Amino acid sequence: MEWLYKNSPYTPSEDVQGFVYLITNLTTGKKYIGKKNFWRTKKLPPLKGKVNKRHSIVSSDWQTYYGSSDSLCKDVAVLGEQYFTRTILKLCANKTMMSYWETKLQFEADVLSRTDYYNEFISCRINSTGLRL
């Protein structure tokens, strides 16, 4: 199953760090709001005669990702991927924006008090520097 953004399959560009998403169980209507990075930093051993590790930016596992909720992942394993939609709600330029938008959308949807969401907790730590672009 592909990630959809504005009803079309999405391919990331390098100027976008990640996204905030909505996964919907088509059989029950239960949903999950989360965030995911497109890229991750891979640490490589230092070159011969050097001390500092090298860093390389590589694609994350976002194409096959179905969230960090245990109950959601269990439902995906039992029902199958074809019974879930994965929608990108917001593209974000940095990790601070990802955290901000994930938290904002979770509170707006009131995910903790509703039974039609897989979300079980909201955790966030944001500073204003990453929001001022």
N, C-alpha and C. Protein backbone atom coordinates (compact mmCIF):
# COMPACT_ATOMS: atom_id res chain seq x y z
N MET A 1 0.84 -1.19 0.00
CA MET A 1 0.00 0.00 0.00
C MET A 1 0.88 1.25 0.00
N GLU A 2 0.51 2.21 -0.80
CA GLU A 2 1.29 3.43 -0.94
C GLU A 2 0.81 4.50 0.04
N TRP A 3 1.69 5.45 0.30
CA TRP A 3 1.31 6.63 1.05
C TRP A 3 0.66 7.61 0.08
N LEU A 4 -0.47 8.19 0.48
CA LEU A 4 -1.17 9.14 -0.37
C LEU A 4 -1.03 10.55 0.19
N TYR A 5 -0.78 11.49 -0.69
CA TYR A 5 -0.75 12.90 -0.33
C TYR A 5 -1.60 13.64 -1.35
N LYS A 6 -2.65 14.28 -0.89
CA LYS A 6 -3.62 14.94 -1.76
C LYS A 6 -4.16 13.96 -2.80
N ASN A 7 -4.50 12.76 -2.34
CA ASN A 7 -5.11 11.68 -3.13
C ASN A 7 -4.21 11.11 -4.23
N SER A 8 -2.90 11.33 -4.15
CA SER A 8 -1.96 10.78 -5.13
C SER A 8 -0.80 10.13 -4.40
N PRO A 9 -0.18 9.09 -4.98
CA PRO A 9 1.01 8.49 -4.37
C PRO A 9 2.11 9.54 -4.24
N TYR A 10 2.86 9.48 -3.13
CA TYR A 10 3.86 10.51 -2.85
C TYR A 10 5.28 9.97 -2.96
N THR A 11 6.15 10.79 -3.57
CA THR A 11 7.59 10.52 -3.62
C THR A 11 8.29 11.71 -2.96
N PRO A 12 9.12 11.47 -1.94
CA PRO A 12 9.72 12.59 -1.20
C PRO A 12 10.81 13.31 -1.98
N SER A 13 11.00 14.58 -1.61
CA SER A 13 12.12 15.35 -2.12
C SER A 13 13.09 15.58 -0.96
N GLU A 14 14.31 15.95 -1.25
CA GLU A 14 15.33 16.07 -0.22
C GLU A 14 15.13 17.27 0.69
N ASP A 15 14.31 18.24 0.30
CA ASP A 15 14.09 19.41 1.15
C ASP A 15 12.99 19.18 2.19
N VAL A 16 12.40 18.00 2.22
CA VAL A 16 11.37 17.65 3.20
C VAL A 16 11.93 16.59 4.14
N GLN A 17 11.92 16.88 5.44
CA GLN A 17 12.46 15.95 6.44
C GLN A 17 11.53 14.78 6.70
N GLY A 18 10.23 15.06 6.80
CA GLY A 18 9.28 13.99 7.13
C GLY A 18 7.85 14.47 7.00
N PHE A 19 6.94 13.74 7.65
CA PHE A 19 5.53 14.03 7.48
C PHE A 19 4.73 13.58 8.70
N VAL A 20 3.55 14.15 8.81
CA VAL A 20 2.57 13.73 9.80
C VAL A 20 1.50 12.97 9.02
N TYR A 21 1.05 11.86 9.56
CA TYR A 21 0.19 10.96 8.79
C TYR A 21 -1.04 10.51 9.58
N LEU A 22 -1.99 9.98 8.82
CA LEU A 22 -3.19 9.36 9.36
C LEU A 22 -3.32 7.98 8.75
N ILE A 23 -3.39 6.96 9.59
CA ILE A 23 -3.64 5.60 9.11
C ILE A 23 -5.06 5.23 9.56
N THR A 24 -5.85 4.72 8.63
CA THR A 24 -7.25 4.37 8.92
C THR A 24 -7.49 2.90 8.64
N ASN A 25 -8.08 2.22 9.62
CA ASN A 25 -8.51 0.84 9.48
C ASN A 25 -9.86 0.87 8.76
N LEU A 26 -9.93 0.33 7.55
CA LEU A 26 -11.14 0.40 6.74
C LEU A 26 -12.25 -0.50 7.25
N THR A 27 -11.94 -1.51 8.05
CA THR A 27 -12.98 -2.41 8.57
C THR A 27 -13.66 -1.84 9.82
N THR A 28 -12.93 -1.13 10.65
CA THR A 28 -13.49 -0.60 11.90
C THR A 28 -13.60 0.92 11.92
N GLY A 29 -12.88 1.60 11.04
CA GLY A 29 -12.86 3.06 11.04
C GLY A 29 -11.90 3.65 12.06
N LYS A 30 -11.19 2.81 12.79
CA LYS A 30 -10.25 3.27 13.81
C LYS A 30 -9.05 3.92 13.13
N LYS A 31 -8.50 4.99 13.75
CA LYS A 31 -7.45 5.78 13.12
C LYS A 31 -6.23 5.93 14.03
N TYR A 32 -5.15 6.39 13.41
CA TYR A 32 -3.91 6.66 14.15
C TYR A 32 -3.22 7.86 13.53
N ILE A 33 -2.83 8.83 14.35
CA ILE A 33 -2.08 9.99 13.89
C ILE A 33 -0.66 9.88 14.42
N GLY A 34 0.32 10.01 13.53
CA GLY A 34 1.72 9.91 13.92
C GLY A 34 2.61 10.72 12.99
N LYS A 35 3.93 10.58 13.18
CA LYS A 35 4.90 11.27 12.34
C LYS A 35 5.99 10.29 11.92
N LYS A 36 6.63 10.58 10.79
CA LYS A 36 7.69 9.71 10.29
C LYS A 36 8.69 10.52 9.49
N ASN A 37 9.96 10.20 9.66
CA ASN A 37 11.05 10.81 8.89
C ASN A 37 11.21 10.10 7.55
N PHE A 38 11.49 10.86 6.50
CA PHE A 38 11.84 10.27 5.21
C PHE A 38 13.29 9.81 5.22
N TRP A 39 14.12 10.51 5.98
CA TRP A 39 15.56 10.29 5.96
C TRP A 39 16.08 9.99 7.35
N ARG A 40 17.20 9.26 7.41
CA ARG A 40 17.88 9.01 8.69
C ARG A 40 19.38 9.13 8.44
N THR A 41 20.10 9.38 9.53
CA THR A 41 21.55 9.49 9.43
C THR A 41 22.18 8.14 9.74
N LYS A 42 23.00 7.67 8.83
CA LYS A 42 23.69 6.40 9.02
C LYS A 42 25.14 6.71 9.39
N LYS A 43 25.60 6.14 10.51
CA LYS A 43 26.97 6.36 10.94
C LYS A 43 27.88 5.30 10.34
N LEU A 44 28.96 5.76 9.73
CA LEU A 44 29.94 4.87 9.11
C LEU A 44 31.24 4.92 9.90
N PRO A 45 32.02 3.86 9.87
CA PRO A 45 33.30 3.88 10.60
C PRO A 45 34.24 4.93 10.00
N PRO A 46 35.16 5.43 10.81
CA PRO A 46 36.10 6.43 10.29
C PRO A 46 37.01 5.83 9.21
N LEU A 47 37.50 6.69 8.35
CA LEU A 47 38.45 6.26 7.33
C LEU A 47 39.75 5.84 8.01
N LYS A 48 40.55 5.06 7.32
CA LYS A 48 41.81 4.57 7.87
C LYS A 48 42.69 5.76 8.29
N GLY A 49 43.15 5.70 9.52
CA GLY A 49 44.00 6.74 10.05
C GLY A 49 43.25 7.93 10.64
N LYS A 50 41.93 7.92 10.58
CA LYS A 50 41.09 9.01 11.11
C LYS A 50 40.37 8.54 12.37
N VAL A 51 39.84 9.50 13.13
CA VAL A 51 39.17 9.18 14.40
C VAL A 51 37.65 9.41 14.31
N ASN A 52 37.26 10.46 13.59
CA ASN A 52 35.84 10.83 13.53
C ASN A 52 35.04 9.88 12.64
N LYS A 53 33.83 9.52 13.13
CA LYS A 53 32.93 8.71 12.30
C LYS A 53 32.39 9.56 11.16
N ARG A 54 32.05 8.88 10.08
CA ARG A 54 31.45 9.56 8.94
C ARG A 54 29.94 9.41 9.02
N HIS A 55 29.23 10.33 8.41
CA HIS A 55 27.77 10.29 8.43
C HIS A 55 27.25 10.33 7.00
N SER A 56 26.20 9.58 6.78
CA SER A 56 25.58 9.53 5.48
C SER A 56 24.06 9.59 5.68
N ILE A 57 23.36 10.31 4.83
CA ILE A 57 21.90 10.39 4.93
C ILE A 57 21.30 9.38 3.97
N VAL A 58 20.45 8.49 4.52
CA VAL A 58 19.83 7.44 3.72
C VAL A 58 18.32 7.46 3.95
N SER A 59 17.58 6.83 3.08
CA SER A 59 16.13 6.75 3.21
C SER A 59 15.75 5.89 4.41
N SER A 60 14.70 6.29 5.11
CA SER A 60 14.22 5.49 6.23
C SER A 60 13.29 4.39 5.71
N ASP A 61 12.64 3.69 6.61
CA ASP A 61 11.71 2.61 6.23
C ASP A 61 10.28 3.13 6.04
N TRP A 62 10.13 4.39 5.64
CA TRP A 62 8.82 5.02 5.59
C TRP A 62 7.85 4.33 4.62
N GLN A 63 8.35 3.70 3.57
CA GLN A 63 7.46 3.06 2.60
C GLN A 63 6.68 1.90 3.20
N THR A 64 7.28 1.18 4.15
CA THR A 64 6.63 0.01 4.75
C THR A 64 6.12 0.27 6.16
N TYR A 65 6.20 1.50 6.62
CA TYR A 65 5.90 1.85 8.01
C TYR A 65 4.39 1.91 8.26
N TYR A 66 3.95 1.35 9.39
CA TYR A 66 2.55 1.39 9.79
C TYR A 66 2.35 1.89 11.20
N GLY A 67 3.24 2.73 11.70
CA GLY A 67 3.05 3.33 13.00
C GLY A 67 3.75 2.59 14.12
N SER A 68 3.79 3.25 15.29
CA SER A 68 4.46 2.67 16.45
C SER A 68 3.48 2.08 17.45
N SER A 69 2.19 2.15 17.17
CA SER A 69 1.18 1.58 18.06
C SER A 69 1.15 0.06 17.94
N ASP A 70 1.32 -0.62 19.08
CA ASP A 70 1.30 -2.09 19.07
C ASP A 70 -0.04 -2.63 18.59
N SER A 71 -1.14 -2.02 19.03
CA SER A 71 -2.46 -2.52 18.63
C SER A 71 -2.71 -2.28 17.14
N LEU A 72 -2.23 -1.18 16.61
CA LEU A 72 -2.35 -0.93 15.17
C LEU A 72 -1.54 -1.94 14.38
N CYS A 73 -0.29 -2.15 14.77
CA CYS A 73 0.57 -3.11 14.06
C CYS A 73 0.00 -4.52 14.13
N LYS A 74 -0.61 -4.86 15.25
CA LYS A 74 -1.24 -6.18 15.40
C LYS A 74 -2.42 -6.31 14.44
N ASP A 75 -3.24 -5.27 14.32
CA ASP A 75 -4.37 -5.30 13.39
C ASP A 75 -3.89 -5.40 11.94
N VAL A 76 -2.82 -4.70 11.61
CA VAL A 76 -2.27 -4.78 10.24
C VAL A 76 -1.80 -6.20 9.96
N ALA A 77 -1.16 -6.84 10.93
CA ALA A 77 -0.67 -8.22 10.75
C ALA A 77 -1.83 -9.20 10.60
N VAL A 78 -2.90 -9.00 11.36
CA VAL A 78 -4.04 -9.93 11.34
C VAL A 78 -4.91 -9.71 10.10
N LEU A 79 -5.27 -8.46 9.81
CA LEU A 79 -6.20 -8.16 8.72
C LEU A 79 -5.51 -8.10 7.36
N GLY A 80 -4.30 -7.55 7.33
CA GLY A 80 -3.59 -7.35 6.07
C GLY A 80 -3.55 -5.88 5.70
N GLU A 81 -2.52 -5.49 4.99
CA GLU A 81 -2.30 -4.09 4.62
C GLU A 81 -3.40 -3.53 3.74
N GLN A 82 -4.08 -4.38 2.98
CA GLN A 82 -5.11 -3.90 2.05
C GLN A 82 -6.32 -3.30 2.77
N TYR A 83 -6.44 -3.51 4.07
CA TYR A 83 -7.57 -2.97 4.84
C TYR A 83 -7.22 -1.68 5.57
N PHE A 84 -6.14 -1.04 5.17
CA PHE A 84 -5.70 0.21 5.80
C PHE A 84 -5.33 1.23 4.73
N THR A 85 -5.65 2.49 5.00
CA THR A 85 -5.19 3.58 4.13
C THR A 85 -4.16 4.39 4.90
N ARG A 86 -3.15 4.86 4.19
CA ARG A 86 -2.09 5.68 4.79
C ARG A 86 -2.06 7.01 4.06
N THR A 87 -2.40 8.07 4.78
CA THR A 87 -2.52 9.40 4.20
C THR A 87 -1.55 10.36 4.87
N ILE A 88 -0.81 11.09 4.06
CA ILE A 88 0.08 12.13 4.57
C ILE A 88 -0.75 13.39 4.76
N LEU A 89 -0.79 13.87 6.01
CA LEU A 89 -1.57 15.07 6.32
C LEU A 89 -0.77 16.34 6.14
N LYS A 90 0.51 16.30 6.51
CA LYS A 90 1.33 17.51 6.51
C LYS A 90 2.78 17.13 6.21
N LEU A 91 3.40 17.79 5.24
CA LEU A 91 4.82 17.63 4.95
C LEU A 91 5.58 18.66 5.79
N CYS A 92 6.71 18.24 6.36
CA CYS A 92 7.45 19.11 7.28
C CYS A 92 8.92 19.23 6.88
N ALA A 93 9.45 20.43 7.02
CA ALA A 93 10.83 20.72 6.62
C ALA A 93 11.85 20.26 7.66
N ASN A 94 11.42 20.13 8.93
CA ASN A 94 12.36 19.70 9.98
C ASN A 94 11.63 18.92 11.08
N LYS A 95 12.41 18.37 12.00
CA LYS A 95 11.84 17.52 13.05
C LYS A 95 10.97 18.31 14.03
N THR A 96 11.32 19.56 14.28
CA THR A 96 10.52 20.39 15.17
C THR A 96 9.12 20.59 14.61
N MET A 97 9.04 20.88 13.32
CA MET A 97 7.73 21.05 12.68
C MET A 97 6.93 19.75 12.71
N MET A 98 7.62 18.63 12.55
CA MET A 98 6.93 17.33 12.60
C MET A 98 6.30 17.13 13.98
N SER A 99 7.06 17.38 15.04
CA SER A 99 6.55 17.22 16.40
C SER A 99 5.39 18.17 16.67
N TYR A 100 5.55 19.42 16.23
CA TYR A 100 4.50 20.42 16.44
C TYR A 100 3.19 19.99 15.79
N TRP A 101 3.25 19.66 14.50
CA TRP A 101 2.03 19.32 13.77
C TRP A 101 1.42 18.00 14.25
N GLU A 102 2.24 17.04 14.59
CA GLU A 102 1.70 15.78 15.12
C GLU A 102 0.91 16.05 16.40
N THR A 103 1.51 16.78 17.33
CA THR A 103 0.85 17.09 18.59
C THR A 103 -0.40 17.93 18.38
N LYS A 104 -0.31 18.94 17.55
CA LYS A 104 -1.45 19.81 17.27
C LYS A 104 -2.63 19.01 16.71
N LEU A 105 -2.37 18.18 15.73
CA LEU A 105 -3.44 17.38 15.12
C LEU A 105 -4.00 16.34 16.08
N GLN A 106 -3.16 15.76 16.94
CA GLN A 106 -3.64 14.80 17.92
C GLN A 106 -4.57 15.47 18.93
N PHE A 107 -4.21 16.65 19.41
CA PHE A 107 -5.07 17.37 20.35
C PHE A 107 -6.36 17.83 19.68
N GLU A 108 -6.27 18.31 18.44
CA GLU A 108 -7.47 18.74 17.72
C GLU A 108 -8.45 17.59 17.51
N ALA A 109 -7.93 16.39 17.25
CA ALA A 109 -8.78 15.22 17.05
C ALA A 109 -9.20 14.57 18.37
N ASP A 110 -8.63 15.04 19.48
CA ASP A 110 -8.94 14.51 20.82
C ASP A 110 -8.72 13.00 20.88
N VAL A 111 -7.55 12.57 20.37
CA VAL A 111 -7.26 11.14 20.19
C VAL A 111 -7.22 10.33 21.49
N LEU A 112 -6.91 10.97 22.61
CA LEU A 112 -6.78 10.22 23.87
C LEU A 112 -8.11 9.87 24.51
N SER A 113 -9.11 10.69 24.31
CA SER A 113 -10.40 10.42 24.95
C SER A 113 -11.39 9.69 24.06
N ARG A 114 -11.04 9.51 22.80
CA ARG A 114 -11.94 8.82 21.87
C ARG A 114 -11.50 7.37 21.69
N THR A 115 -12.47 6.50 21.51
CA THR A 115 -12.17 5.07 21.33
C THR A 115 -11.92 4.70 19.87
N ASP A 116 -12.16 5.63 18.96
CA ASP A 116 -11.95 5.32 17.54
C ASP A 116 -10.55 5.73 17.07
N TYR A 117 -9.60 5.87 18.00
CA TYR A 117 -8.20 6.14 17.67
C TYR A 117 -7.30 5.12 18.37
N TYR A 118 -6.26 4.70 17.68
CA TYR A 118 -5.27 3.79 18.26
C TYR A 118 -4.32 4.51 19.22
N ASN A 119 -4.18 5.83 19.09
CA ASN A 119 -3.23 6.59 19.91
C ASN A 119 -3.52 6.39 21.39
N GLU A 120 -2.46 6.10 22.16
CA GLU A 120 -2.61 5.85 23.59
C GLU A 120 -1.92 6.91 24.43
N PHE A 121 -1.01 7.69 23.85
CA PHE A 121 -0.36 8.77 24.58
C PHE A 121 0.12 9.84 23.60
N ILE A 122 0.34 11.03 24.15
CA ILE A 122 0.90 12.14 23.38
C ILE A 122 2.16 12.59 24.10
N SER A 123 3.26 12.58 23.39
CA SER A 123 4.52 13.00 23.97
C SER A 123 5.16 14.01 23.04
N CYS A 124 5.57 15.16 23.60
CA CYS A 124 6.11 16.18 22.74
C CYS A 124 7.03 17.11 23.50
N ARG A 125 8.09 17.50 22.84
CA ARG A 125 9.01 18.51 23.36
C ARG A 125 9.44 19.36 22.16
N ILE A 126 9.02 20.62 22.17
CA ILE A 126 9.21 21.50 21.01
C ILE A 126 9.84 22.81 21.46
N ASN A 127 10.76 23.34 20.65
CA ASN A 127 11.23 24.70 20.87
C ASN A 127 10.84 25.55 19.68
N SER A 128 10.82 26.84 19.87
CA SER A 128 10.32 27.73 18.82
C SER A 128 11.29 27.92 17.66
N THR A 129 12.55 27.58 17.84
CA THR A 129 13.56 27.83 16.80
C THR A 129 13.24 27.12 15.51
N GLY A 130 12.83 25.87 15.56
CA GLY A 130 12.55 25.11 14.34
C GLY A 130 11.28 25.51 13.65
N LEU A 131 10.42 26.28 14.32
CA LEU A 131 9.15 26.69 13.72
C LEU A 131 9.28 28.00 12.95
N ARG A 132 10.32 28.75 13.20
CA ARG A 132 10.52 30.03 12.55
C ARG A 132 11.41 29.87 11.32
N LEU A 133 10.80 29.61 10.21
CA LEU A 133 11.56 29.44 8.97
C LEU A 133 11.46 30.65 8.09
